[in-house]
Amino acid sequence: MLDDRGDEREQIKQREKDRCRQELEDLRSILKTPGGRRFVWRLLEDAGVLKDAFTGNSNTYYILGKQAFGKFLLADILQRFIKEYAKMQAEAETRLRLEKKEGNENV
Protein backbone atom coordinates (compact mmCIF):
# COMPACT_ATOMS: atom_id res chain seq x y z
CA MET A 1 0.00 0.00 0.00
CA LEU A 2 2.79 2.43 0.89
CA ASP A 3 4.62 1.66 -2.34
CA ASP A 4 1.46 2.40 -4.30
CA ARG A 5 1.18 5.87 -2.74
CA GLY A 6 4.87 6.52 -3.31
CA ASP A 7 4.57 5.44 -6.94
CA GLU A 8 1.50 7.61 -7.36
CA ARG A 9 3.32 10.64 -5.95
CA GLU A 10 6.24 10.02 -8.27
CA GLN A 11 3.88 9.80 -11.23
CA ILE A 12 2.22 13.06 -10.21
CA LYS A 13 5.63 14.76 -9.90
CA GLN A 14 6.67 13.42 -13.29
CA ARG A 15 3.45 14.64 -14.93
CA GLU A 16 4.00 18.09 -13.39
CA LYS A 17 7.59 18.18 -14.70
CA ASP A 18 6.39 17.11 -18.14
CA ARG A 19 3.67 19.78 -18.11
CA CYS A 20 6.14 22.51 -17.13
CA ARG A 21 8.61 21.37 -19.77
CA GLN A 22 5.87 21.44 -22.41
CA GLU A 23 4.72 24.93 -21.36
CA LEU A 24 8.27 26.25 -21.65
CA GLU A 25 8.68 24.63 -25.06
CA ASP A 26 5.38 26.22 -26.14
CA LEU A 27 6.59 29.63 -24.97
CA ARG A 28 9.91 29.12 -26.78
CA SER A 29 8.01 28.30 -29.98
CA ILE A 30 5.86 31.42 -29.63
CA LEU A 31 8.87 33.67 -29.00
CA LYS A 32 10.67 32.32 -32.09
CA THR A 33 8.27 34.05 -34.47
CA PRO A 34 7.81 37.79 -35.03
CA GLY A 35 4.04 37.40 -34.70
CA GLY A 36 4.44 35.50 -31.45
CA ARG A 37 6.73 38.17 -30.01
CA ARG A 38 4.28 40.92 -31.04
CA PHE A 39 1.44 39.03 -29.37
CA VAL A 40 3.35 38.44 -26.13
CA TRP A 41 4.50 42.09 -26.07
CA ARG A 42 0.87 43.17 -26.44
CA LEU A 43 -0.12 40.93 -23.53
CA LEU A 44 2.64 42.43 -21.37
CA GLU A 45 1.65 45.97 -22.34
CA ASP A 46 -2.00 45.28 -21.64
CA ALA A 47 -1.10 43.77 -18.25
CA GLY A 48 0.62 47.05 -17.37
CA VAL A 49 3.44 45.39 -15.48
CA LEU A 50 5.50 48.56 -15.44
CA LYS A 51 2.63 50.92 -14.66
CA ASP A 52 1.28 52.17 -11.36
CA ALA A 53 -1.77 50.19 -10.25
CA PHE A 54 -3.14 52.64 -7.71
CA THR A 55 -6.35 54.38 -8.78
CA GLY A 56 -7.80 55.39 -5.42
CA ASN A 57 -10.80 53.10 -5.89
CA SER A 58 -11.63 49.42 -6.32
CA ASN A 59 -10.35 49.45 -9.92
CA THR A 60 -6.91 49.08 -8.33
CA TYR A 61 -7.69 45.42 -7.59
CA TYR A 62 -8.58 44.78 -11.22
CA ILE A 63 -5.33 46.36 -12.37
CA LEU A 64 -3.35 44.37 -9.81
CA GLY A 65 -4.91 41.16 -11.13
CA LYS A 66 -3.85 42.00 -14.68
CA GLN A 67 -0.38 42.87 -13.44
CA ALA A 68 -0.10 39.56 -11.57
CA PHE A 69 -0.69 37.67 -14.82
CA GLY A 70 1.79 39.88 -16.66
CA LYS A 71 4.44 39.40 -13.99
CA PHE A 72 3.92 35.64 -14.14
CA LEU A 73 4.52 35.66 -17.90
CA LEU A 74 7.38 38.15 -17.69
CA ALA A 75 9.14 36.09 -15.01
CA ASP A 76 9.13 32.99 -17.22
CA ILE A 77 10.46 35.00 -20.15
CA LEU A 78 13.19 36.80 -18.19
CA GLN A 79 14.35 33.65 -16.40
CA ARG A 80 14.56 31.46 -19.47
CA PHE A 81 14.38 33.51 -22.66
CA ILE A 82 16.31 36.72 -22.03
CA LYS A 83 17.63 36.95 -25.61
CA GLU A 84 14.13 36.60 -27.02
CA TYR A 85 12.91 39.27 -24.60
CA ALA A 86 15.63 41.67 -25.76
CA LYS A 87 14.68 41.01 -29.38
CA MET A 88 10.98 41.48 -28.59
CA GLN A 89 11.71 44.77 -26.84
CA ALA A 90 13.85 46.04 -29.73
CA GLU A 91 11.12 45.13 -32.22
CA ALA A 92 8.52 46.96 -30.11
CA GLU A 93 10.71 50.07 -29.97
CA THR A 94 11.15 49.95 -33.74
CA ARG A 95 7.38 49.67 -34.25
CA LEU A 96 6.81 52.61 -31.92
CA ARG A 97 9.35 54.78 -33.78
CA LEU A 98 7.76 53.90 -37.12
CA GLU A 99 4.28 54.70 -35.80
CA LYS A 100 5.48 58.06 -34.49
CA LYS A 101 7.22 58.81 -37.79
CA GLU A 102 4.11 57.91 -39.77
CA GLY A 103 2.00 60.02 -37.43
CA ASN A 104 4.24 63.05 -37.97
CA GLU A 105 4.12 62.64 -41.74
CA ASN A 106 0.32 62.72 -41.69
CA VAL A 107 0.19 66.04 -39.81
C-alpha atoms as a PDB file:
ATOM      1  CA  MET A   1       0.000   0.000   0.000  1.00  0.00           C
ATOM      2  CA  LEU A   2       2.786   2.434   0.890  1.00  0.00           C
ATOM      3  CA  ASP A   3       4.619   1.656  -2.337  1.00  0.00           C
ATOM      4  CA  ASP A   4       1.456   2.404  -4.297  1.00  0.00           C
ATOM      5  CA  ARG A   5       1.181   5.870  -2.736  1.00  0.00           C
ATOM      6  CA  GLY A   6       4.868   6.524  -3.307  1.00  0.00           C
ATOM      7  CA  ASP A   7       4.573   5.444  -6.937  1.00  0.00           C
ATOM      8  CA  GLU A   8       1.496   7.607  -7.357  1.00  0.00           C
ATOM      9  CA  ARG A   9       3.325  10.637  -5.948  1.00  0.00           C
ATOM     10  CA  GLU A  10       6.245  10.024  -8.275  1.00  0.00           C
ATOM     11  CA  GLN A  11       3.879   9.797 -11.233  1.00  0.00           C
ATOM     12  CA  ILE A  12       2.222  13.060 -10.212  1.00  0.00           C
ATOM     13  CA  LYS A  13       5.630  14.760  -9.896  1.00  0.00           C
ATOM     14  CA  GLN A  14       6.670  13.419 -13.293  1.00  0.00           C
ATOM     15  CA  ARG A  15       3.449  14.641 -14.932  1.00  0.00           C
ATOM     16  CA  GLU A  16       3.999  18.087 -13.395  1.00  0.00           C
ATOM     17  CA  LYS A  17       7.587  18.184 -14.702  1.00  0.00           C
ATOM     18  CA  ASP A  18       6.394  17.108 -18.145  1.00  0.00           C
ATOM     19  CA  ARG A  19       3.667  19.776 -18.106  1.00  0.00           C
ATOM     20  CA  CYS A  20       6.139  22.510 -17.129  1.00  0.00           C
ATOM     21  CA  ARG A  21       8.609  21.365 -19.772  1.00  0.00           C
ATOM     22  CA  GLN A  22       5.869  21.441 -22.410  1.00  0.00           C
ATOM     23  CA  GLU A  23       4.725  24.925 -21.362  1.00  0.00           C
ATOM     24  CA  LEU A  24       8.269  26.248 -21.654  1.00  0.00           C
ATOM     25  CA  GLU A  25       8.679  24.634 -25.059  1.00  0.00           C
ATOM     26  CA  ASP A  26       5.381  26.221 -26.136  1.00  0.00           C
ATOM     27  CA  LEU A  27       6.588  29.632 -24.971  1.00  0.00           C
ATOM     28  CA  ARG A  28       9.910  29.116 -26.775  1.00  0.00           C
ATOM     29  CA  SER A  29       8.012  28.303 -29.978  1.00  0.00           C
ATOM     30  CA  ILE A  30       5.861  31.417 -29.628  1.00  0.00           C
ATOM     31  CA  LEU A  31       8.868  33.666 -29.002  1.00  0.00           C
ATOM     32  CA  LYS A  32      10.672  32.322 -32.092  1.00  0.00           C
ATOM     33  CA  THR A  33       8.266  34.047 -34.466  1.00  0.00           C
ATOM     34  CA  PRO A  34       7.812  37.793 -35.033  1.00  0.00           C
ATOM     35  CA  GLY A  35       4.038  37.395 -34.698  1.00  0.00           C
ATOM     36  CA  GLY A  36       4.437  35.495 -31.449  1.00  0.00           C
ATOM     37  CA  ARG A  37       6.731  38.172 -30.011  1.00  0.00           C
ATOM     38  CA  ARG A  38       4.277  40.920 -31.043  1.00  0.00           C
ATOM     39  CA  PHE A  39       1.437  39.026 -29.373  1.00  0.00           C
ATOM     40  CA  VAL A  40       3.354  38.441 -26.133  1.00  0.00           C
ATOM     41  CA  TRP A  41       4.497  42.087 -26.071  1.00  0.00           C
ATOM     42  CA  ARG A  42       0.873  43.173 -26.444  1.00  0.00           C
ATOM     43  CA  LEU A  43      -0.118  40.931 -23.531  1.00  0.00           C
ATOM     44  CA  LEU A  44       2.637  42.434 -21.374  1.00  0.00           C
ATOM     45  CA  GLU A  45       1.652  45.975 -22.340  1.00  0.00           C
ATOM     46  CA  ASP A  46      -2.003  45.284 -21.636  1.00  0.00           C
ATOM     47  CA  ALA A  47      -1.098  43.774 -18.254  1.00  0.00           C
ATOM     48  CA  GLY A  48       0.622  47.050 -17.370  1.00  0.00           C
ATOM     49  CA  VAL A  49       3.437  45.388 -15.483  1.00  0.00           C
ATOM     50  CA  LEU A  50       5.496  48.558 -15.436  1.00  0.00           C
ATOM     51  CA  LYS A  51       2.627  50.920 -14.662  1.00  0.00           C
ATOM     52  CA  ASP A  52       1.282  52.172 -11.356  1.00  0.00           C
ATOM     53  CA  ALA A  53      -1.770  50.194 -10.250  1.00  0.00           C
ATOM     54  CA  PHE A  54      -3.144  52.638  -7.714  1.00  0.00           C
ATOM     55  CA  THR A  55      -6.352  54.384  -8.782  1.00  0.00           C
ATOM     56  CA  GLY A  56      -7.795  55.389  -5.423  1.00  0.00           C
ATOM     57  CA  ASN A  57     -10.797  53.098  -5.894  1.00  0.00           C
ATOM     58  CA  SER A  58     -11.626  49.423  -6.322  1.00  0.00           C
ATOM     59  CA  ASN A  59     -10.353  49.451  -9.918  1.00  0.00           C
ATOM     60  CA  THR A  60      -6.907  49.077  -8.333  1.00  0.00           C
ATOM     61  CA  TYR A  61      -7.693  45.417  -7.590  1.00  0.00           C
ATOM     62  CA  TYR A  62      -8.581  44.776 -11.221  1.00  0.00           C
ATOM     63  CA  ILE A  63      -5.333  46.361 -12.370  1.00  0.00           C
ATOM     64  CA  LEU A  64      -3.346  44.371  -9.810  1.00  0.00           C
ATOM     65  CA  GLY A  65      -4.908  41.160 -11.132  1.00  0.00           C
ATOM     66  CA  LYS A  66      -3.849  42.004 -14.681  1.00  0.00           C
ATOM     67  CA  GLN A  67      -0.381  42.872 -13.442  1.00  0.00           C
ATOM     68  CA  ALA A  68      -0.098  39.556 -11.572  1.00  0.00           C
ATOM     69  CA  PHE A  69      -0.694  37.668 -14.821  1.00  0.00           C
ATOM     70  CA  GLY A  70       1.786  39.885 -16.663  1.00  0.00           C
ATOM     71  CA  LYS A  71       4.439  39.397 -13.994  1.00  0.00           C
ATOM     72  CA  PHE A  72       3.923  35.636 -14.139  1.00  0.00           C
ATOM     73  CA  LEU A  73       4.516  35.664 -17.905  1.00  0.00           C
ATOM     74  CA  LEU A  74       7.376  38.150 -17.691  1.00  0.00           C
ATOM     75  CA  ALA A  75       9.144  36.090 -15.006  1.00  0.00           C
ATOM     76  CA  ASP A  76       9.127  32.993 -17.221  1.00  0.00           C
ATOM     77  CA  ILE A  77      10.461  34.996 -20.146  1.00  0.00           C
ATOM     78  CA  LEU A  78      13.191  36.800 -18.193  1.00  0.00           C
ATOM     79  CA  GLN A  79      14.349  33.648 -16.399  1.00  0.00           C
ATOM     80  CA  ARG A  80      14.559  31.458 -19.469  1.00  0.00           C
ATOM     81  CA  PHE A  81      14.381  33.505 -22.663  1.00  0.00           C
ATOM     82  CA  ILE A  82      16.310  36.723 -22.030  1.00  0.00           C
ATOM     83  CA  LYS A  83      17.629  36.950 -25.613  1.00  0.00           C
ATOM     84  CA  GLU A  84      14.128  36.601 -27.023  1.00  0.00           C
ATOM     85  CA  TYR A  85      12.906  39.270 -24.596  1.00  0.00           C
ATOM     86  CA  ALA A  86      15.626  41.673 -25.756  1.00  0.00           C
ATOM     87  CA  LYS A  87      14.684  41.010 -29.377  1.00  0.00           C
ATOM     88  CA  MET A  88      10.981  41.477 -28.594  1.00  0.00           C
ATOM     89  CA  GLN A  89      11.714  44.773 -26.840  1.00  0.00           C
ATOM     90  CA  ALA A  90      13.849  46.045 -29.733  1.00  0.00           C
ATOM     91  CA  GLU A  91      11.119  45.130 -32.218  1.00  0.00           C
ATOM     92  CA  ALA A  92       8.522  46.957 -30.110  1.00  0.00           C
ATOM     93  CA  GLU A  93      10.709  50.068 -29.968  1.00  0.00           C
ATOM     94  CA  THR A  94      11.150  49.952 -33.742  1.00  0.00           C
ATOM     95  CA  ARG A  95       7.376  49.673 -34.252  1.00  0.00           C
ATOM     96  CA  LEU A  96       6.813  52.614 -31.921  1.00  0.00           C
ATOM     97  CA  ARG A  97       9.351  54.780 -33.780  1.00  0.00           C
ATOM     98  CA  LEU A  98       7.763  53.902 -37.123  1.00  0.00           C
ATOM     99  CA  GLU A  99       4.280  54.697 -35.800  1.00  0.00           C
ATOM    100  CA  LYS A 100       5.484  58.062 -34.493  1.00  0.00           C
ATOM    101  CA  LYS A 101       7.221  58.808 -37.787  1.00  0.00           C
ATOM    102  CA  GLU A 102       4.113  57.913 -39.773  1.00  0.00           C
ATOM    103  CA  GLY A 103       2.002  60.022 -37.431  1.00  0.00           C
ATOM    104  CA  ASN A 104       4.243  63.046 -37.966  1.00  0.00           C
ATOM    105  CA  GLU A 105       4.121  62.637 -41.736  1.00  0.00           C
ATOM    106  CA  ASN A 106       0.316  62.725 -41.687  1.00  0.00           C
ATOM    107  CA  VAL A 107       0.189  66.040 -39.814  1.00  0.00           C
END
